[in-house]
Structures are given as C-alpha cells and as structure tokens.
Amino acid sequence: MRNGRLQRLPLNLVTFASLAMLLASCAGRLNLEDLPAPLKVALPTTCEGILQPVDVPAFGPDDDAIAAYLAMEATALGAAGEVDLARECLVKQRLDYAGKGIAR
C-alpha cells in the first residue's frame, strides 16, 4: 500500500506542474482592458430615492414609556415598509436591466 502511494505521487506532481505551467503561459496574453465591461448602462436612481433616513422621535426621562414605545414601533414599521419597497424596486430594476450593455 505504501509503495502504491509513492508511485502515484510523482504522477500527481507532474500533472499539477504541467497544469501550472499551462496556466502561467496563458496569463501573459490576457489583457483585461481589451475585455468588454459586463454592464455599461446608466441605471436610474428611483430605488435609492425610496430609501430615506428615518426620523427617530426624541424622548426624555419624563415622557410616557408606552407612548414612546408606540411611536418607536410606528417608526420602525414605516421604515421596514420602505425597505421592503426598495428591495422590490431593486429586484425589478435588476431584472429589467439584466444583460443590457453587454457587447457580444
């Protein structure tokens, strides 16, 4: 068994060395600047317009805790709704622009 492992090792080493030399010889000919850009389309900024900073209500130590909780909950629900709308918008935008601008 040990002799079989030693006999296979040079073959794997030779195969690996051959592949490494083959890849190294091709790498010098590749010029990344000659490749077309995968996407050259001006994307609209509609989806980013949906996402706005969230105005967090200010509360102090003398304010009612229940009212503060309800106000924060309403703010969080509103922000979550905006995030969901923006996510849907970005998915639709990505699907609409998939493949556009690729020169083939």
PDB file of N, CA and C in Angstrom:
ATOM      1  N   MET A   1       0.828  -1.188   0.000  1.00  0.00           N
ATOM      2  CA  MET A   1       0.000   0.000   0.000  1.00  0.00           C
ATOM      3  C   MET A   1       0.873   1.253   0.000  1.00  0.00           C
ATOM      4  N   ARG A   2       1.881   1.248   0.821  1.00  0.00           N
ATOM      5  CA  ARG A   2       2.748   2.412   0.881  1.00  0.00           C
ATOM      6  C   ARG A   2       3.499   2.602  -0.436  1.00  0.00           C
ATOM      7  N   ASN A   3       3.905   1.524  -1.043  1.00  0.00           N
ATOM      8  CA  ASN A   3       4.596   1.637  -2.326  1.00  0.00           C
ATOM      9  C   ASN A   3       3.675   2.178  -3.405  1.00  0.00           C
ATOM     10  N   GLY A   4       2.389   1.809  -3.355  1.00  0.00           N
ATOM     11  CA  GLY A   4       1.425   2.324  -4.323  1.00  0.00           C
ATOM     12  C   GLY A   4       1.238   3.824  -4.179  1.00  0.00           C
ATOM     13  N   ARG A   5       1.258   4.321  -2.956  1.00  0.00           N
ATOM     14  CA  ARG A   5       1.135   5.770  -2.729  1.00  0.00           C
ATOM     15  C   ARG A   5       2.351   6.500  -3.268  1.00  0.00           C
ATOM     16  N   LEU A   6       3.500   5.948  -3.047  1.00  0.00           N
ATOM     17  CA  LEU A   6       4.712   6.601  -3.514  1.00  0.00           C
ATOM     18  C   LEU A   6       4.800   6.598  -5.028  1.00  0.00           C
ATOM     19  N   GLN A   7       4.255   5.581  -5.666  1.00  0.00           N
ATOM     20  CA  GLN A   7       4.307   5.527  -7.119  1.00  0.00           C
ATOM     21  C   GLN A   7       3.329   6.526  -7.736  1.00  0.00           C
ATOM     22  N   ARG A   8       2.193   6.795  -7.083  1.00  0.00           N
ATOM     23  CA  ARG A   8       1.213   7.739  -7.612  1.00  0.00           C
ATOM     24  C   ARG A   8       1.619   9.192  -7.365  1.00  0.00           C
ATOM     25  N   LEU A   9       2.415   9.454  -6.366  1.00  0.00           N
ATOM     26  CA  LEU A   9       2.798  10.816  -6.017  1.00  0.00           C
ATOM     27  C   LEU A   9       3.494  11.536  -7.162  1.00  0.00           C
ATOM     28  N   PRO A  10       4.490  10.971  -7.824  1.00  0.00           N
ATOM     29  CA  PRO A  10       5.123  11.704  -8.917  1.00  0.00           C
ATOM     30  C   PRO A  10       4.160  12.005 -10.055  1.00  0.00           C
ATOM     31  N   LEU A  11       3.223  11.091 -10.332  1.00  0.00           N
ATOM     32  CA  LEU A  11       2.267  11.350 -11.400  1.00  0.00           C
ATOM     33  C   LEU A  11       1.397  12.556 -11.056  1.00  0.00           C
ATOM     34  N   ASN A  12       0.907  12.643  -9.811  1.00  0.00           N
ATOM     35  CA  ASN A  12       0.110  13.800  -9.399  1.00  0.00           C
ATOM     36  C   ASN A  12       0.937  15.071  -9.428  1.00  0.00           C
ATOM     37  N   LEU A  13       2.185  14.979  -9.029  1.00  0.00           N
ATOM     38  CA  LEU A  13       3.071  16.139  -9.034  1.00  0.00           C
ATOM     39  C   LEU A  13       3.344  16.606 -10.456  1.00  0.00           C
ATOM     40  N   VAL A  14       3.568  15.655 -11.364  1.00  0.00           N
ATOM     41  CA  VAL A  14       3.811  16.003 -12.766  1.00  0.00           C
ATOM     42  C   VAL A  14       2.556  16.627 -13.374  1.00  0.00           C
ATOM     43  N   THR A  15       1.403  16.094 -13.073  1.00  0.00           N
ATOM     44  CA  THR A  15       0.149  16.644 -13.588  1.00  0.00           C
ATOM     45  C   THR A  15      -0.062  18.059 -13.069  1.00  0.00           C
ATOM     46  N   PHE A  16       0.156  18.255 -11.786  1.00  0.00           N
ATOM     47  CA  PHE A  16      -0.001  19.581 -11.198  1.00  0.00           C
ATOM     48  C   PHE A  16       0.984  20.575 -11.805  1.00  0.00           C
ATOM     49  N   ALA A  17       2.227  20.163 -11.964  1.00  0.00           N
ATOM     50  CA  ALA A  17       3.238  21.058 -12.544  1.00  0.00           C
ATOM     51  C   ALA A  17       2.895  21.404 -13.983  1.00  0.00           C
ATOM     52  N   SER A  18       2.381  20.440 -14.739  1.00  0.00           N
ATOM     53  CA  SER A  18       2.007  20.700 -16.137  1.00  0.00           C
ATOM     54  C   SER A  18       0.862  21.698 -16.216  1.00  0.00           C
ATOM     55  N   LEU A  19      -0.129  21.531 -15.373  1.00  0.00           N
ATOM     56  CA  LEU A  19      -1.251  22.472 -15.369  1.00  0.00           C
ATOM     57  C   LEU A  19      -0.817  23.868 -14.948  1.00  0.00           C
ATOM     58  N   ALA A  20       0.068  23.944 -13.978  1.00  0.00           N
ATOM     59  CA  ALA A  20       0.560  25.251 -13.525  1.00  0.00           C
ATOM     60  C   ALA A  20       1.317  25.955 -14.641  1.00  0.00           C
ATOM     61  N   MET A  21       2.129  25.224 -15.380  1.00  0.00           N
ATOM     62  CA  MET A  21       2.878  25.835 -16.485  1.00  0.00           C
ATOM     63  C   MET A  21       1.937  26.270 -17.605  1.00  0.00           C
ATOM     64  N   LEU A  22       0.919  25.479 -17.864  1.00  0.00           N
ATOM     65  CA  LEU A  22      -0.046  25.826 -18.897  1.00  0.00           C
ATOM     66  C   LEU A  22      -0.792  27.109 -18.540  1.00  0.00           C
ATOM     67  N   LEU A  23      -1.242  27.211 -17.301  1.00  0.00           N
ATOM     68  CA  LEU A  23      -1.938  28.421 -16.861  1.00  0.00           C
ATOM     69  C   LEU A  23      -1.019  29.635 -16.857  1.00  0.00           C
ATOM     70  N   ALA A  24       0.200  29.452 -16.467  1.00  0.00           N
ATOM     71  CA  ALA A  24       1.145  30.571 -16.428  1.00  0.00           C
ATOM     72  C   ALA A  24       1.456  31.071 -17.833  1.00  0.00           C
ATOM     73  N   SER A  25       1.486  30.195 -18.804  1.00  0.00           N
ATOM     74  CA  SER A  25       1.807  30.627 -20.166  1.00  0.00           C
ATOM     75  C   SER A  25       0.650  31.403 -20.788  1.00  0.00           C
ATOM     76  N   CYS A  26      -0.578  31.144 -20.382  1.00  0.00           N
ATOM     77  CA  CYS A  26      -1.740  31.842 -20.940  1.00  0.00           C
ATOM     78  C   CYS A  26      -1.971  33.191 -20.259  1.00  0.00           C
ATOM     79  N   ALA A  27      -1.523  33.338 -19.048  1.00  0.00           N
ATOM     80  CA  ALA A  27      -1.822  34.551 -18.291  1.00  0.00           C
ATOM     81  C   ALA A  27      -1.164  35.783 -18.889  1.00  0.00           C
ATOM     82  N   GLY A  28      -0.033  35.664 -19.511  1.00  0.00           N
ATOM     83  CA  GLY A  28       0.656  36.819 -20.075  1.00  0.00           C
ATOM     84  C   GLY A  28      -0.050  37.402 -21.272  1.00  0.00           C
ATOM     85  N   ARG A  29      -0.848  36.650 -21.963  1.00  0.00           N
ATOM     86  CA  ARG A  29      -1.524  37.105 -23.182  1.00  0.00           C
ATOM     87  C   ARG A  29      -2.855  37.784 -22.900  1.00  0.00           C
ATOM     88  N   LEU A  30      -3.365  37.680 -21.693  1.00  0.00           N
ATOM     89  CA  LEU A  30      -4.673  38.222 -21.347  1.00  0.00           C
ATOM     90  C   LEU A  30      -4.536  39.689 -20.952  1.00  0.00           C
ATOM     91  N   ASN A  31      -5.214  40.557 -21.666  1.00  0.00           N
ATOM     92  CA  ASN A  31      -5.220  41.979 -21.355  1.00  0.00           C
ATOM     93  C   ASN A  31      -6.624  42.341 -20.898  1.00  0.00           C
ATOM     94  N   LEU A  32      -6.777  42.643 -19.634  1.00  0.00           N
ATOM     95  CA  LEU A  32      -8.098  42.916 -19.071  1.00  0.00           C
ATOM     96  C   LEU A  32      -8.749  44.152 -19.672  1.00  0.00           C
ATOM     97  N   GLU A  33      -7.964  45.077 -20.159  1.00  0.00           N
ATOM     98  CA  GLU A  33      -8.525  46.301 -20.736  1.00  0.00           C
ATOM     99  C   GLU A  33      -9.222  46.022 -22.060  1.00  0.00           C
ATOM    100  N   ASP A  34      -8.851  44.924 -22.737  1.00  0.00           N
ATOM    101  CA  ASP A  34      -9.477  44.592 -24.013  1.00  0.00           C
ATOM    102  C   ASP A  34     -10.828  43.912 -23.845  1.00  0.00           C
ATOM    103  N   LEU A  35     -11.133  43.435 -22.648  1.00  0.00           N
ATOM    104  CA  LEU A  35     -12.396  42.755 -22.410  1.00  0.00           C
ATOM    105  C   LEU A  35     -13.519  43.775 -22.286  1.00  0.00           C
ATOM    106  N   PRO A  36     -14.706  43.457 -22.809  1.00  0.00           N
ATOM    107  CA  PRO A  36     -15.820  44.396 -22.675  1.00  0.00           C
ATOM    108  C   PRO A  36     -16.313  44.439 -21.228  1.00  0.00           C
ATOM    109  N   ALA A  37     -16.784  45.592 -20.833  1.00  0.00           N
ATOM    110  CA  ALA A  37     -17.347  45.732 -19.493  1.00  0.00           C
ATOM    111  C   ALA A  37     -18.636  44.930 -19.422  1.00  0.00           C
ATOM    112  N   PRO A  38     -18.910  44.269 -18.317  1.00  0.00           N
ATOM    113  CA  PRO A  38     -20.121  43.452 -18.239  1.00  0.00           C
ATOM    114  C   PRO A  38     -21.402  44.282 -18.226  1.00  0.00           C
ATOM    115  N   LEU A  39     -21.328  45.526 -17.793  1.00  0.00           N
ATOM    116  CA  LEU A  39     -22.541  46.339 -17.732  1.00  0.00           C
ATOM    117  C   LEU A  39     -22.175  47.800 -17.942  1.00  0.00           C
ATOM    118  N   LYS A  40     -22.692  48.382 -19.014  1.00  0.00           N
ATOM    119  CA  LYS A  40     -22.476  49.798 -19.280  1.00  0.00           C
ATOM    120  C   LYS A  40     -23.820  50.445 -19.574  1.00  0.00           C
ATOM    121  N   VAL A  41     -24.667  50.469 -18.570  1.00  0.00           N
ATOM    122  CA  VAL A  41     -25.991  51.055 -18.690  1.00  0.00           C
ATOM    123  C   VAL A  41     -26.168  52.009 -17.526  1.00  0.00           C
ATOM    124  N   ALA A  42     -26.656  53.193 -17.801  1.00  0.00           N
ATOM    125  CA  ALA A  42     -26.930  54.143 -16.731  1.00  0.00           C
ATOM    126  C   ALA A  42     -28.197  53.698 -16.011  1.00  0.00           C
ATOM    127  N   LEU A  43     -28.048  53.265 -14.783  1.00  0.00           N
ATOM    128  CA  LEU A  43     -29.188  52.791 -14.006  1.00  0.00           C
ATOM    129  C   LEU A  43     -29.912  53.968 -13.368  1.00  0.00           C
ATOM    130  N   PRO A  44     -31.237  53.934 -13.345  1.00  0.00           N
ATOM    131  CA  PRO A  44     -31.970  55.016 -12.690  1.00  0.00           C
ATOM    132  C   PRO A  44     -31.781  54.953 -11.172  1.00  0.00           C
ATOM    133  N   THR A  45     -31.989  56.074 -10.537  1.00  0.00           N
ATOM    134  CA  THR A  45     -31.812  56.146  -9.081  1.00  0.00           C
ATOM    135  C   THR A  45     -33.154  56.180  -8.353  1.00  0.00           C
ATOM    136  N   THR A  46     -34.188  55.688  -8.996  1.00  0.00           N
ATOM    137  CA  THR A  46     -35.520  55.692  -8.394  1.00  0.00           C
ATOM    138  C   THR A  46     -35.549  54.890  -7.101  1.00  0.00           C
ATOM    139  N   CYS A  47     -34.927  53.729  -7.115  1.00  0.00           N
ATOM    140  CA  CYS A  47     -34.974  52.853  -5.936  1.00  0.00           C
ATOM    141  C   CYS A  47     -34.248  53.479  -4.744  1.00  0.00           C
ATOM    142  N   GLU A  48     -33.155  54.189  -5.015  1.00  0.00           N
ATOM    143  CA  GLU A  48     -32.437  54.840  -3.926  1.00  0.00           C
ATOM    144  C   GLU A  48     -33.246  55.980  -3.335  1.00  0.00           C
ATOM    145  N   GLY A  49     -34.122  56.572  -4.145  1.00  0.00           N
ATOM    146  CA  GLY A  49     -34.973  57.650  -3.656  1.00  0.00           C
ATOM    147  C   GLY A  49     -36.001  57.179  -2.636  1.00  0.00           C
ATOM    148  N   ILE A  50     -36.351  55.901  -2.708  1.00  0.00           N
ATOM    149  CA  ILE A  50     -37.306  55.352  -1.738  1.00  0.00           C
ATOM    150  C   ILE A  50     -36.687  55.294  -0.349  1.00  0.00           C
ATOM    151  N   LEU A  51     -35.406  54.970  -0.308  1.00  0.00           N
ATOM    152  CA  LEU A  51     -34.721  54.822   0.980  1.00  0.00           C
ATOM    153  C   LEU A  51     -34.291  56.188   1.496  1.00  0.00           C
ATOM    154  N   GLN A  52     -34.937  56.623   2.520  1.00  0.00           N
ATOM    155  CA  GLN A  52     -34.627  57.910   3.144  1.00  0.00           C
ATOM    156  C   GLN A  52     -34.249  57.674   4.603  1.00  0.00           C
ATOM    157  N   PRO A  53     -33.460  58.570   5.182  1.00  0.00           N
ATOM    158  CA  PRO A  53     -33.137  58.426   6.610  1.00  0.00           C
ATOM    159  C   PRO A  53     -34.409  58.439   7.460  1.00  0.00           C
ATOM    160  N   VAL A  54     -34.380  57.651   8.498  1.00  0.00           N
ATOM    161  CA  VAL A  54     -35.547  57.530   9.376  1.00  0.00           C
ATOM    162  C   VAL A  54     -35.447  58.569  10.481  1.00  0.00           C
ATOM    163  N   ASP A  55     -36.497  59.353  10.625  1.00  0.00           N
ATOM    164  CA  ASP A  55     -36.546  60.335  11.708  1.00  0.00           C
ATOM    165  C   ASP A  55     -36.994  59.620  12.982  1.00  0.00           C
ATOM    166  N   VAL A  56     -36.104  59.523  13.926  1.00  0.00           N
ATOM    167  CA  VAL A  56     -36.399  58.848  15.188  1.00  0.00           C
ATOM    168  C   VAL A  56     -36.937  59.883  16.168  1.00  0.00           C
ATOM    169  N   PRO A  57     -38.122  59.623  16.741  1.00  0.00           N
ATOM    170  CA  PRO A  57     -38.682  60.589  17.685  1.00  0.00           C
ATOM    171  C   PRO A  57     -37.823  60.686  18.950  1.00  0.00           C
ATOM    172  N   ALA A  58     -37.680  61.892  19.451  1.00  0.00           N
ATOM    173  CA  ALA A  58     -36.874  62.109  20.661  1.00  0.00           C
ATOM    174  C   ALA A  58     -37.768  61.976  21.894  1.00  0.00           C
ATOM    175  N   PHE A  59     -37.237  61.297  22.896  1.00  0.00           N
ATOM    176  CA  PHE A  59     -37.960  61.116  24.147  1.00  0.00           C
ATOM    177  C   PHE A  59     -37.026  61.418  25.300  1.00  0.00           C
ATOM    178  N   GLY A  60     -37.614  61.863  26.381  1.00  0.00           N
ATOM    179  CA  GLY A  60     -36.839  62.170  27.578  1.00  0.00           C
ATOM    180  C   GLY A  60     -37.270  61.290  28.733  1.00  0.00           C
ATOM    181  N   PRO A  61     -36.610  61.423  29.859  1.00  0.00           N
ATOM    182  CA  PRO A  61     -36.933  60.577  31.018  1.00  0.00           C
ATOM    183  C   PRO A  61     -38.311  60.868  31.606  1.00  0.00           C
ATOM    184  N   ASP A  62     -38.858  62.038  31.333  1.00  0.00           N
ATOM    185  CA  ASP A  62     -40.171  62.379  31.884  1.00  0.00           C
ATOM    186  C   ASP A  62     -41.325  61.986  30.963  1.00  0.00           C
ATOM    187  N   ASP A  63     -41.038  61.445  29.775  1.00  0.00           N
ATOM    188  CA  ASP A  63     -42.082  61.067  28.819  1.00  0.00           C
ATOM    189  C   ASP A  63     -42.691  59.717  29.192  1.00  0.00           C
ATOM    190  N   ASP A  64     -43.894  59.509  28.706  1.00  0.00           N
ATOM    191  CA  ASP A  64     -44.614  58.261  28.967  1.00  0.00           C
ATOM    192  C   ASP A  64     -43.951  57.134  28.175  1.00  0.00           C
ATOM    193  N   ALA A  65     -43.627  56.034  28.838  1.00  0.00           N
ATOM    194  CA  ALA A  65     -42.921  54.917  28.203  1.00  0.00           C
ATOM    195  C   ALA A  65     -43.790  54.232  27.149  1.00  0.00           C
ATOM    196  N   ILE A  66     -45.074  54.118  27.412  1.00  0.00           N
ATOM    197  CA  ILE A  66     -45.957  53.453  26.448  1.00  0.00           C
ATOM    198  C   ILE A  66     -46.066  54.288  25.174  1.00  0.00           C
ATOM    199  N   ALA A  67     -46.227  55.586  25.328  1.00  0.00           N
ATOM    200  CA  ALA A  67     -46.305  56.459  24.149  1.00  0.00           C
ATOM    201  C   ALA A  67     -44.991  56.423  23.364  1.00  0.00           C
ATOM    202  N   ALA A  68     -43.863  56.399  24.076  1.00  0.00           N
ATOM    203  CA  ALA A  68     -42.568  56.321  23.402  1.00  0.00           C
ATOM    204  C   ALA A  68     -42.429  55.002  22.643  1.00  0.00           C
ATOM    205  N   TYR A  69     -42.869  53.910  23.271  1.00  0.00           N
ATOM    206  CA  TYR A  69     -42.801  52.606  22.614  1.00  0.00           C
ATOM    207  C   TYR A  69     -43.669  52.587  21.353  1.00  0.00           C
ATOM    208  N   LEU A  70     -44.878  53.094  21.437  1.00  0.00           N
ATOM    209  CA  LEU A  70     -45.783  53.096  20.291  1.00  0.00           C
ATOM    210  C   LEU A  70     -45.248  53.970  19.161  1.00  0.00           C
ATOM    211  N   ALA A  71     -44.661  55.114  19.526  1.00  0.00           N
ATOM    212  CA  ALA A  71     -44.089  55.979  18.495  1.00  0.00           C
ATOM    213  C   ALA A  71     -42.895  55.307  17.813  1.00  0.00           C
ATOM    214  N   MET A  72     -42.054  54.630  18.605  1.00  0.00           N
ATOM    215  CA  MET A  72     -40.900  53.926  18.022  1.00  0.00           C
ATOM    216  C   MET A  72     -41.355  52.756  17.158  1.00  0.00           C
ATOM    217  N   GLU A  73     -42.411  52.061  17.598  1.00  0.00           N
ATOM    218  CA  GLU A  73     -42.930  50.945  16.814  1.00  0.00           C
ATOM    219  C   GLU A  73     -43.468  51.432  15.471  1.00  0.00           C
ATOM    220  N   ALA A  74     -44.193  52.547  15.483  1.00  0.00           N
ATOM    221  CA  ALA A  74     -44.722  53.110  14.237  1.00  0.00           C
ATOM    222  C   ALA A  74     -43.576  53.521  13.307  1.00  0.00           C
ATOM    223  N   THR A  75     -42.532  54.104  13.874  1.00  0.00           N
ATOM    224  CA  THR A  75     -41.377  54.498  13.073  1.00  0.00           C
ATOM    225  C   THR A  75     -40.699  53.271  12.483  1.00  0.00           C
ATOM    226  N   ALA A  76     -40.537  52.227  13.281  1.00  0.00           N
ATOM    227  CA  ALA A  76     -39.881  51.005  12.801  1.00  0.00           C
ATOM    228  C   ALA A  76     -40.714  50.330  11.717  1.00  0.00           C
ATOM    229  N   LEU A  77     -42.026  50.284  11.882  1.00  0.00           N
ATOM    230  CA  LEU A  77     -42.880  49.675  10.866  1.00  0.00           C
ATOM    231  C   LEU A  77     -42.838  50.457   9.558  1.00  0.00           C
ATOM    232  N   GLY A  78     -42.832  51.781   9.667  1.00  0.00           N
ATOM    233  CA  GLY A  78     -42.726  52.608   8.462  1.00  0.00           C
ATOM    234  C   GLY A  78     -41.403  52.396   7.741  1.00  0.00           C
ATOM    235  N   ALA A  79     -40.323  52.318   8.511  1.00  0.00           N
ATOM    236  CA  ALA A  79     -39.003  52.097   7.917  1.00  0.00           C
ATOM    237  C   ALA A  79     -38.917  50.709   7.287  1.00  0.00           C
ATOM    238  N   ALA A  80     -39.508  49.717   7.930  1.00  0.00           N
ATOM    239  CA  ALA A  80     -39.494  48.362   7.372  1.00  0.00           C
ATOM    240  C   ALA A  80     -40.269  48.315   6.063  1.00  0.00           C
ATOM    241  N   GLY A  81     -41.361  49.044   5.990  1.00  0.00           N
ATOM    242  CA  GLY A  81     -42.129  49.108   4.745  1.00  0.00           C
ATOM    243  C   GLY A  81     -41.328  49.750   3.625  1.00  0.00           C
ATOM    244  N   GLU A  82     -40.590  50.813   3.949  1.00  0.00           N
ATOM    245  CA  GLU A  82     -39.743  51.459   2.941  1.00  0.00           C
ATOM    246  C   GLU A  82     -38.646  50.526   2.459  1.00  0.00           C
ATOM    247  N   VAL A  83     -38.055  49.776   3.366  1.00  0.00           N
ATOM    248  CA  VAL A  83     -37.005  48.832   2.989  1.00  0.00           C
ATOM    249  C   VAL A  83     -37.572  47.750   2.074  1.00  0.00           C
ATOM    250  N   ASP A  84     -38.758  47.256   2.389  1.00  0.00           N
ATOM    251  CA  ASP A  84     -39.384  46.239   1.541  1.00  0.00           C
ATOM    252  C   ASP A  84     -39.677  46.788   0.144  1.00  0.00           C
ATOM    253  N   LEU A  85     -40.197  48.014   0.065  1.00  0.00           N
ATOM    254  CA  LEU A  85     -40.456  48.631  -1.238  1.00  0.00           C
ATOM    255  C   LEU A  85     -39.176  48.825  -2.031  1.00  0.00           C
ATOM    256  N   ALA A  86     -38.128  49.273  -1.374  1.00  0.00           N
ATOM    257  CA  ALA A  86     -36.855  49.480  -2.057  1.00  0.00           C
ATOM    258  C   ALA A  86     -36.274  48.154  -2.542  1.00  0.00           C
ATOM    259  N   ARG A  87     -36.412  47.110  -1.730  1.00  0.00           N
ATOM    260  CA  ARG A  87     -35.922  45.784  -2.139  1.00  0.00           C
ATOM    261  C   ARG A  87     -36.652  45.315  -3.397  1.00  0.00           C
ATOM    262  N   GLU A  88     -37.979  45.447  -3.408  1.00  0.00           N
ATOM    263  CA  GLU A  88     -38.755  45.052  -4.585  1.00  0.00           C
ATOM    264  C   GLU A  88     -38.362  45.881  -5.805  1.00  0.00           C
ATOM    265  N   CYS A  89     -38.148  47.165  -5.592  1.00  0.00           N
ATOM    266  CA  CYS A  89     -37.751  48.049  -6.682  1.00  0.00           C
ATOM    267  C   CYS A  89     -36.401  47.630  -7.263  1.00  0.00           C
ATOM    268  N   LEU A  90     -35.447  47.316  -6.397  1.00  0.00           N
ATOM    269  CA  LEU A  90     -34.125  46.913  -6.868  1.00  0.00           C
ATOM    270  C   LEU A  90     -34.169  45.573  -7.605  1.00  0.00           C
ATOM    271  N   VAL A  91     -34.991  44.664  -7.141  1.00  0.00           N
ATOM    272  CA  VAL A  91     -35.126  43.375  -7.834  1.00  0.00           C
ATOM    273  C   VAL A  91     -35.704  43.592  -9.228  1.00  0.00           C
ATOM    274  N   LYS A  92     -36.757  44.385  -9.323  1.00  0.00           N
ATOM    275  CA  LYS A  92     -37.358  44.666 -10.636  1.00  0.00           C
ATOM    276  C   LYS A  92     -36.364  45.387 -11.548  1.00  0.00           C
ATOM    277  N   GLN A  93     -35.630  46.331 -10.989  1.00  0.00           N
ATOM    278  CA  GLN A  93     -34.640  47.065 -11.775  1.00  0.00           C
ATOM    279  C   GLN A  93     -33.553  46.126 -12.281  1.00  0.00           C
ATOM    280  N   ARG A  94     -33.081  45.230 -11.429  1.00  0.00           N
ATOM    281  CA  ARG A  94     -32.047  44.281 -11.829  1.00  0.00           C
ATOM    282  C   ARG A  94     -32.548  43.375 -12.942  1.00  0.00           C
ATOM    283  N   LEU A  95     -33.796  42.927 -12.844  1.00  0.00           N
ATOM    284  CA  LEU A  95     -34.354  42.068 -13.885  1.00  0.00           C
ATOM    285  C   LEU A  95     -34.565  42.837 -15.187  1.00  0.00           C
ATOM    286  N   ASP A  96     -34.976  44.095 -15.092  1.00  0.00           N
ATOM    287  CA  ASP A  96     -35.179  44.903 -16.299  1.00  0.00           C
ATOM    288  C   ASP A  96     -33.876  45.163 -17.049  1.00  0.00           C
ATOM    289  N   TYR A  97     -32.790  45.329 -16.323  1.00  0.00           N
ATOM    290  CA  TYR A  97     -31.513  45.683 -16.939  1.00  0.00           C
ATOM    291  C   TYR A  97     -30.573  44.494 -17.113  1.00  0.00           C
ATOM    292  N   ALA A  98     -31.025  43.294 -16.809  1.00  0.00           N
ATOM    293  CA  ALA A  98     -30.153  42.114 -16.916  1.00  0.00           C
ATOM    294  C   ALA A  98     -29.743  41.913 -18.375  1.00  0.00           C
ATOM    295  N   GLY A  99     -28.452  41.907 -18.588  1.00  0.00           N
ATOM    296  CA  GLY A  99     -27.915  41.650 -19.916  1.00  0.00           C
ATOM    297  C   GLY A  99     -27.780  42.852 -20.806  1.00  0.00           C
ATOM    298  N   LYS A 100     -28.347  43.986 -20.429  1.00  0.00           N
ATOM    299  CA  LYS A 100     -28.221  45.182 -21.264  1.00  0.00           C
ATOM    300  C   LYS A 100     -26.819  45.758 -21.128  1.00  0.00           C
ATOM    301  N   GLY A 101     -26.288  46.224 -22.206  1.00  0.00           N
ATOM    302  CA  GLY A 101     -24.970  46.842 -22.191  1.00  0.00           C
ATOM    303  C   GLY A 101     -23.838  45.876 -22.411  1.00  0.00           C
ATOM    304  N   ILE A 102     -24.132  44.595 -22.584  1.00  0.00           N
ATOM    305  CA  ILE A 102     -23.072  43.631 -22.833  1.00  0.00           C
ATOM    306  C   ILE A 102     -22.855  43.545 -24.333  1.00  0.00           C
ATOM    307  N   ALA A 103     -21.692  43.905 -24.780  1.00  0.00           N
ATOM    308  CA  ALA A 103     -21.362  43.850 -26.181  1.00  0.00           C
ATOM    309  C   ALA A 103     -20.899  42.444 -26.536  1.00  0.00           C
ATOM    310  N   ARG A 104     -21.593  41.850 -27.460  1.00  0.00           N
ATOM    311  CA  ARG A 104     -21.205  40.486 -27.872  1.00  0.00           C
ATOM    312  C   ARG A 104     -21.010  40.429 -29.347  1.00  0.00           C
TER     313      ARG A 104
END
